Structures are given as C-alpha cells and as structure tokens.
PDB file of N, CA and C in Angstrom:
ATOM      1  N   UNK A   1      13.278 -11.177  -5.630  1.00  0.00           N
ATOM      2  CA  UNK A   1      13.186  -9.749  -5.835  1.00  0.00           C
ATOM      3  C   UNK A   1      11.752  -9.261  -5.611  1.00  0.00           C
ATOM      4  N   UNK A   2      10.781 -10.039  -6.064  1.00  0.00           N
ATOM      5  CA  UNK A   2       9.384  -9.597  -5.878  1.00  0.00           C
ATOM      6  C   UNK A   2       8.995  -9.598  -4.417  1.00  0.00           C
ATOM      7  N   UNK A   3       9.603 -10.474  -3.623  1.00  0.00           N
ATOM      8  CA  UNK A   3       9.318 -10.499  -2.192  1.00  0.00           C
ATOM      9  C   UNK A   3       9.673  -9.153  -1.549  1.00  0.00           C
ATOM     10  N   UNK A   4      10.823  -8.611  -1.925  1.00  0.00           N
ATOM     11  CA  UNK A   4      11.251  -7.335  -1.353  1.00  0.00           C
ATOM     12  C   UNK A   4      10.376  -6.183  -1.849  1.00  0.00           C
ATOM     13  N   UNK A   5       9.915  -6.262  -3.078  1.00  0.00           N
ATOM     14  CA  UNK A   5       9.014  -5.248  -3.590  1.00  0.00           C
ATOM     15  C   UNK A   5       7.678  -5.244  -2.854  1.00  0.00           C
ATOM     16  N   UNK A   6       7.162  -6.426  -2.581  1.00  0.00           N
ATOM     17  CA  UNK A   6       5.893  -6.540  -1.856  1.00  0.00           C
ATOM     18  C   UNK A   6       6.062  -6.021  -0.423  1.00  0.00           C
ATOM     19  N   UNK A   7       7.161  -6.380   0.217  1.00  0.00           N
ATOM     20  CA  UNK A   7       7.398  -5.910   1.598  1.00  0.00           C
ATOM     21  C   UNK A   7       7.542  -4.400   1.593  1.00  0.00           C
ATOM     22  N   UNK A   8       8.261  -3.844   0.626  1.00  0.00           N
ATOM     23  CA  UNK A   8       8.420  -2.408   0.534  1.00  0.00           C
ATOM     24  C   UNK A   8       7.095  -1.691   0.373  1.00  0.00           C
ATOM     25  N   UNK A   9       6.245  -2.192  -0.515  1.00  0.00           N
ATOM     26  CA  UNK A   9       4.938  -1.576  -0.738  1.00  0.00           C
ATOM     27  C   UNK A   9       4.051  -1.687   0.504  1.00  0.00           C
ATOM     28  N   UNK A  10       4.116  -2.827   1.196  1.00  0.00           N
ATOM     29  CA  UNK A  10       3.366  -2.953   2.454  1.00  0.00           C
ATOM     30  C   UNK A  10       3.842  -1.935   3.491  1.00  0.00           C
ATOM     31  N   UNK A  11       5.128  -1.741   3.578  1.00  0.00           N
ATOM     32  CA  UNK A  11       5.641  -0.712   4.500  1.00  0.00           C
ATOM     33  C   UNK A  11       5.204   0.673   4.094  1.00  0.00           C
ATOM     34  N   UNK A  12       5.126   0.955   2.786  1.00  0.00           N
ATOM     35  CA  UNK A  12       4.644   2.246   2.324  1.00  0.00           C
ATOM     36  C   UNK A  12       3.154   2.437   2.655  1.00  0.00           C
ATOM     37  N   UNK A  13       2.375   1.358   2.577  1.00  0.00           N
ATOM     38  CA  UNK A  13       0.962   1.431   2.931  1.00  0.00           C
ATOM     39  C   UNK A  13       0.804   1.755   4.404  1.00  0.00           C
ATOM     40  N   UNK A  14       1.577   1.112   5.241  1.00  0.00           N
ATOM     41  CA  UNK A  14       1.497   1.383   6.686  1.00  0.00           C
ATOM     42  C   UNK A  14       1.966   2.797   6.995  1.00  0.00           C
ATOM     43  N   UNK A  15       3.019   3.261   6.308  1.00  0.00           N
ATOM     44  CA  UNK A  15       3.503   4.612   6.518  1.00  0.00           C
ATOM     45  C   UNK A  15       2.475   5.642   6.088  1.00  0.00           C
ATOM     46  N   UNK A  16       1.776   5.394   5.017  1.00  0.00           N
ATOM     47  CA  UNK A  16       0.744   6.309   4.555  1.00  0.00           C
ATOM     48  C   UNK A  16      -0.413   6.355   5.536  1.00  0.00           C
ATOM     49  N   UNK A  17      -0.770   5.201   6.076  1.00  0.00           N
ATOM     50  CA  UNK A  17      -1.838   5.176   7.093  1.00  0.00           C
ATOM     51  C   UNK A  17      -1.402   5.924   8.347  1.00  0.00           C
ATOM     52  N   UNK A  18      -0.145   5.752   8.741  1.00  0.00           N
ATOM     53  CA  UNK A  18       0.363   6.477   9.902  1.00  0.00           C
ATOM     54  C   UNK A  18       0.369   7.966   9.685  1.00  0.00           C
ATOM     55  N   UNK A  19       0.741   8.411   8.502  1.00  0.00           N
ATOM     56  CA  UNK A  19       0.741   9.853   8.241  1.00  0.00           C
ATOM     57  C   UNK A  19      -0.695  10.386   8.212  1.00  0.00           C
ATOM     58  N   UNK A  20      -1.649   9.593   7.736  1.00  0.00           N
ATOM     59  CA  UNK A  20      -3.054  10.039   7.768  1.00  0.00           C
ATOM     60  C   UNK A  20      -3.553  10.197   9.199  1.00  0.00           C
ATOM     61  N   UNK A  21      -3.160   9.277  10.080  1.00  0.00           N
ATOM     62  CA  UNK A  21      -3.546   9.391  11.479  1.00  0.00           C
ATOM     63  C   UNK A  21      -2.900  10.639  12.096  1.00  0.00           C
ATOM     64  N   UNK A  22      -1.641  10.876  11.772  1.00  0.00           N
ATOM     65  CA  UNK A  22      -0.952  12.060  12.302  1.00  0.00           C
ATOM     66  C   UNK A  22      -1.650  13.335  11.850  1.00  0.00           C
ATOM     67  N   UNK A  23      -1.978  13.417  10.542  1.00  0.00           N
ATOM     68  CA  UNK A  23      -2.635  14.616  10.003  1.00  0.00           C
ATOM     69  C   UNK A  23      -4.040  14.768  10.606  1.00  0.00           C
ATOM     70  N   UNK A  24      -4.714  13.674  10.869  1.00  0.00           N
ATOM     71  CA  UNK A  24      -6.059  13.752  11.462  1.00  0.00           C
ATOM     72  C   UNK A  24      -5.983  14.354  12.850  1.00  0.00           C
ATOM     73  N   UNK A  25      -4.967  13.962  13.618  1.00  0.00           N
ATOM     74  CA  UNK A  25      -4.845  14.459  14.992  1.00  0.00           C
ATOM     75  C   UNK A  25      -4.357  15.897  15.045  1.00  0.00           C
ATOM     76  N   UNK A  26      -3.503  16.323  14.105  1.00  0.00           N
ATOM     77  CA  UNK A  26      -2.884  17.640  14.197  1.00  0.00           C
ATOM     78  C   UNK A  26      -3.542  18.747  13.365  1.00  0.00           C
ATOM     79  N   UNK A  27      -4.141  18.381  12.242  1.00  0.00           N
ATOM     80  CA  UNK A  27      -4.714  19.423  11.379  1.00  0.00           C
ATOM     81  C   UNK A  27      -6.107  19.832  11.831  1.00  0.00           C
ATOM     82  N   UNK A  28      -6.839  18.980  12.469  1.00  0.00           N
ATOM     83  CA  UNK A  28      -8.201  19.278  12.944  1.00  0.00           C
ATOM     84  C   UNK A  28      -9.106  19.756  11.808  1.00  0.00           C
ATOM     85  N   UNK A  29      -9.012  19.101  10.664  1.00  0.00           N
ATOM     86  CA  UNK A  29      -9.904  19.395   9.550  1.00  0.00           C
ATOM     87  C   UNK A  29      -9.540  20.641   8.748  1.00  0.00           C
ATOM     88  N   UNK A  30      -8.372  21.195   9.000  1.00  0.00           N
ATOM     89  CA  UNK A  30      -7.963  22.430   8.315  1.00  0.00           C
ATOM     90  C   UNK A  30      -7.350  22.220   6.951  1.00  0.00           C
ATOM     91  N   UNK A  31      -6.962  21.002   6.629  1.00  0.00           N
ATOM     92  CA  UNK A  31      -6.314  20.781   5.307  1.00  0.00           C
ATOM     93  C   UNK A  31      -6.778  19.423   4.738  1.00  0.00           C
ATOM     94  N   UNK A  32      -6.357  19.168   3.539  1.00  0.00           N
ATOM     95  CA  UNK A  32      -6.720  17.949   2.827  1.00  0.00           C
ATOM     96  C   UNK A  32      -5.583  16.917   2.868  1.00  0.00           C
ATOM     97  N   UNK A  33      -4.605  17.105   3.757  1.00  0.00           N
ATOM     98  CA  UNK A  33      -3.475  16.178   3.770  1.00  0.00           C
ATOM     99  C   UNK A  33      -3.881  14.761   4.206  1.00  0.00           C
ATOM    100  N   UNK A  34      -4.837  14.649   5.100  1.00  0.00           N
ATOM    101  CA  UNK A  34      -5.280  13.329   5.522  1.00  0.00           C
ATOM    102  C   UNK A  34      -5.956  12.602   4.350  1.00  0.00           C
ATOM    103  N   UNK A  35      -6.795  13.310   3.615  1.00  0.00           N
ATOM    104  CA  UNK A  35      -7.466  12.696   2.469  1.00  0.00           C
ATOM    105  C   UNK A  35      -6.455  12.241   1.420  1.00  0.00           C
ATOM    106  N   UNK A  36      -5.435  13.059   1.197  1.00  0.00           N
ATOM    107  CA  UNK A  36      -4.406  12.722   0.211  1.00  0.00           C
ATOM    108  C   UNK A  36      -3.626  11.481   0.676  1.00  0.00           C
ATOM    109  N   UNK A  37      -3.295  11.414   1.964  1.00  0.00           N
ATOM    110  CA  UNK A  37      -2.573  10.248   2.505  1.00  0.00           C
ATOM    111  C   UNK A  37      -3.406   8.970   2.372  1.00  0.00           C
ATOM    112  N   UNK A  38      -4.700   9.078   2.661  1.00  0.00           N
ATOM    113  CA  UNK A  38      -5.565   7.902   2.516  1.00  0.00           C
ATOM    114  C   UNK A  38      -5.749   7.503   1.052  1.00  0.00           C
ATOM    115  N   UNK A  39      -5.797   8.475   0.168  1.00  0.00           N
ATOM    116  CA  UNK A  39      -5.904   8.158  -1.256  1.00  0.00           C
ATOM    117  C   UNK A  39      -4.647   7.456  -1.746  1.00  0.00           C
ATOM    118  N   UNK A  40      -3.500   7.867  -1.265  1.00  0.00           N
ATOM    119  CA  UNK A  40      -2.245   7.202  -1.620  1.00  0.00           C
ATOM    120  C   UNK A  40      -2.263   5.780  -1.091  1.00  0.00           C
ATOM    121  N   UNK A  41      -2.764   5.587   0.124  1.00  0.00           N
ATOM    122  CA  UNK A  41      -2.814   4.255   0.710  1.00  0.00           C
ATOM    123  C   UNK A  41      -3.734   3.341  -0.115  1.00  0.00           C
ATOM    124  N   UNK A  42      -4.884   3.845  -0.519  1.00  0.00           N
ATOM    125  CA  UNK A  42      -5.799   3.040  -1.344  1.00  0.00           C
ATOM    126  C   UNK A  42      -5.155   2.724  -2.681  1.00  0.00           C
ATOM    127  N   UNK A  43      -4.513   3.699  -3.287  1.00  0.00           N
ATOM    128  CA  UNK A  43      -3.843   3.462  -4.574  1.00  0.00           C
ATOM    129  C   UNK A  43      -2.752   2.421  -4.472  1.00  0.00           C
ATOM    130  N   UNK A  44      -1.946   2.477  -3.405  1.00  0.00           N
ATOM    131  CA  UNK A  44      -0.910   1.478  -3.210  1.00  0.00           C
ATOM    132  C   UNK A  44      -1.508   0.100  -2.968  1.00  0.00           C
ATOM    133  N   UNK A  45      -2.574   0.042  -2.212  1.00  0.00           N
ATOM    134  CA  UNK A  45      -3.207  -1.242  -1.925  1.00  0.00           C
ATOM    135  C   UNK A  45      -3.780  -1.875  -3.187  1.00  0.00           C
ATOM    136  N   UNK A  46      -4.460  -1.079  -3.976  1.00  0.00           N
ATOM    137  CA  UNK A  46      -5.029  -1.600  -5.247  1.00  0.00           C
ATOM    138  C   UNK A  46      -3.928  -1.995  -6.204  1.00  0.00           C
ATOM    139  N   UNK A  47      -2.887  -1.170  -6.293  1.00  0.00           N
ATOM    140  CA  UNK A  47      -1.757  -1.495  -7.147  1.00  0.00           C
ATOM    141  C   UNK A  47      -1.070  -2.791  -6.727  1.00  0.00           C
ATOM    142  N   UNK A  48      -0.880  -3.002  -5.454  1.00  0.00           N
ATOM    143  CA  UNK A  48      -0.273  -4.227  -4.952  1.00  0.00           C
ATOM    144  C   UNK A  48      -1.148  -5.423  -5.241  1.00  0.00           C
ATOM    145  N   UNK A  49      -2.458  -5.270  -5.073  1.00  0.00           N
ATOM    146  CA  UNK A  49      -3.380  -6.362  -5.333  1.00  0.00           C
ATOM    147  C   UNK A  49      -3.324  -6.743  -6.831  1.00  0.00           C
ATOM    148  N   UNK A  50      -3.364  -5.743  -7.702  1.00  0.00           N
ATOM    149  CA  UNK A  50      -3.324  -6.017  -9.118  1.00  0.00           C
ATOM    150  C   UNK A  50      -1.988  -6.663  -9.517  1.00  0.00           C
ATOM    151  N   UNK A  51      -0.896  -6.189  -8.944  1.00  0.00           N
ATOM    152  CA  UNK A  51       0.421  -6.766  -9.230  1.00  0.00           C
ATOM    153  C   UNK A  51       0.467  -8.241  -8.793  1.00  0.00           C
ATOM    154  N   UNK A  52      -0.048  -8.548  -7.620  1.00  0.00           N
ATOM    155  CA  UNK A  52      -0.040  -9.930  -7.139  1.00  0.00           C
ATOM    156  C   UNK A  52      -0.938 -10.832  -7.973  1.00  0.00           C
ATOM    157  N   UNK A  53      -2.114 -10.337  -8.329  1.00  0.00           N
ATOM    158  CA  UNK A  53      -3.036 -11.144  -9.162  1.00  0.00           C
ATOM    159  C   UNK A  53      -2.437 -11.357 -10.556  1.00  0.00           C
ATOM    160  N   UNK A  54      -1.854 -10.315 -11.157  1.00  0.00           N
ATOM    161  CA  UNK A  54      -1.261 -10.486 -12.470  1.00  0.00           C
ATOM    162  C   UNK A  54      -0.047 -11.400 -12.421  1.00  0.00           C
ATOM    163  N   UNK A  55       0.740 -11.277 -11.377  1.00  0.00           N
ATOM    164  CA  UNK A  55       1.897 -12.150 -11.237  1.00  0.00           C
ATOM    165  C   UNK A  55       1.517 -13.594 -11.095  1.00  0.00           C
ATOM    166  N   UNK A  56       0.453 -13.853 -10.349  1.00  0.00           N
ATOM    167  CA  UNK A  56      -0.048 -15.224 -10.216  1.00  0.00           C
ATOM    168  C   UNK A  56      -0.591 -15.751 -11.537  1.00  0.00           C
ATOM    169  N   UNK A  57      -1.349 -14.889 -12.232  1.00  0.00           N
ATOM    170  CA  UNK A  57      -1.969 -15.292 -13.508  1.00  0.00           C
ATOM    171  C   UNK A  57      -0.899 -15.634 -14.545  1.00  0.00           C
ATOM    172  N   UNK A  58       0.146 -14.802 -14.628  1.00  0.00           N
ATOM    173  CA  UNK A  58       1.186 -15.012 -15.632  1.00  0.00           C
ATOM    174  C   UNK A  58       2.287 -15.958 -15.162  1.00  0.00           C
ATOM    175  N   UNK A  59       2.154 -16.508 -13.974  1.00  0.00           N
ATOM    176  CA  UNK A  59       3.113 -17.521 -13.505  1.00  0.00           C
ATOM    177  C   UNK A  59       4.436 -16.941 -13.062  1.00  0.00           C
ATOM    178  N   UNK A  60       4.450 -15.688 -12.608  1.00  0.00           N
ATOM    179  CA  UNK A  60       5.702 -15.092 -12.147  1.00  0.00           C
ATOM    180  C   UNK A  60       6.118 -15.601 -10.772  1.00  0.00           C
ATOM    181  N   UNK A  61       5.175 -16.103 -10.003  1.00  0.00           N
ATOM    182  CA  UNK A  61       5.476 -16.609  -8.681  1.00  0.00           C
ATOM    183  C   UNK A  61       5.454 -18.119  -8.701  1.00  0.00           C
ATOM    184  N   UNK A  62       6.534 -18.739  -8.294  1.00  0.00           N
ATOM    185  CA  UNK A  62       6.560 -20.219  -8.307  1.00  0.00           C
ATOM    186  C   UNK A  62       5.632 -20.782  -7.218  1.00  0.00           C
ATOM    187  N   UNK A  63       5.089 -21.946  -7.498  1.00  0.00           N
ATOM    188  CA  UNK A  63       4.242 -22.631  -6.508  1.00  0.00           C
ATOM    189  C   UNK A  63       5.138 -23.227  -5.448  1.00  0.00           C
ATOM    190  N   UNK A  64       4.781 -22.998  -4.206  1.00  0.00           N
ATOM    191  CA  UNK A  64       5.559 -23.563  -3.089  1.00  0.00           C
ATOM    192  C   UNK A  64       4.615 -24.461  -2.310  1.00  0.00           C
ATOM    193  N   UNK A  65       4.898 -25.741  -2.328  1.00  0.00           N
ATOM    194  CA  UNK A  65       4.090 -26.679  -1.579  1.00  0.00           C
ATOM    195  C   UNK A  65       4.836 -27.109  -0.319  1.00  0.00           C
ATOM    196  N   UNK A  66       4.104 -27.190   0.754  1.00  0.00           N
ATOM    197  CA  UNK A  66       4.727 -27.581   2.015  1.00  0.00           C
ATOM    198  C   UNK A  66       4.894 -29.056   2.132  1.00  0.00           C
TER     199      UNK A  66
END
C-alpha cells in the first residue's frame, strides 16, 4: 500500500512542476499561480521525505536484501 502512496505523491510532484512550467509560459508574470504550484511541489517533496524517513525509523518498510 505504501508503494502506491509514494508513486501517487511522486506523480503529484511532477504534475505540480508541469503546471508551474505551464503558468510560467502563459502568465508572463501576471499572477502568482506559478509560485503557488512550486510551493505545493516543495511541500509535497518535504512531506514525502518526512514520511519515508519516519517509515524507515519506525520499521514500517521491510528490509529487502538482494
């Protein structure tokens, strides 16, 4: 289940970055939509990092040895 959550959040990060690029090209500095999209991307990235570090610390992810 956590694998799908991580993949979903990564897709949301890429989508937010894509929307920021779109707003940068089309708004030409007229609005704050690009800044908001980048702030959402940073928030998602930090949240995912904290989730992964906490999950590792608390043993939620099993060790997989090759």
